[in-house]
Amino acid sequence: MREEAGVVPVHHVIDRYVYRDGAFTFTTFIATVDEPFTPHLNGESTSYVWADREHLPSPLHHGVVAMLRTVDPFTSDRAVGRGS
């Protein structure tokens, strides 16, 4: 997370999802923070947004799309199809 967003304030990593496509690996960390913060993006990112489930940006990185097919980061029970 530090590579992509710089210093991240107090947070709790809940889970992570690893997307693999051949030699390419993309890890999505699912974490809670006490409040939104302004990340310091590296050269791999051009923008960021705080979004809820109903307002996800488009297009999404294909690794994030793959994660959302199997994990629901918006609930405490992160498997898709379970929880409330």
Foldseek 3Di string as FASTA:
>chain_A
DCQAFNDDPDKAFLDKDWDDDPPDIDIDTQMDDPDDDHGDGDPVDDDDDDDDPVDDDPPDDVSVVVLVVAFCSRDSGTGPPDDD
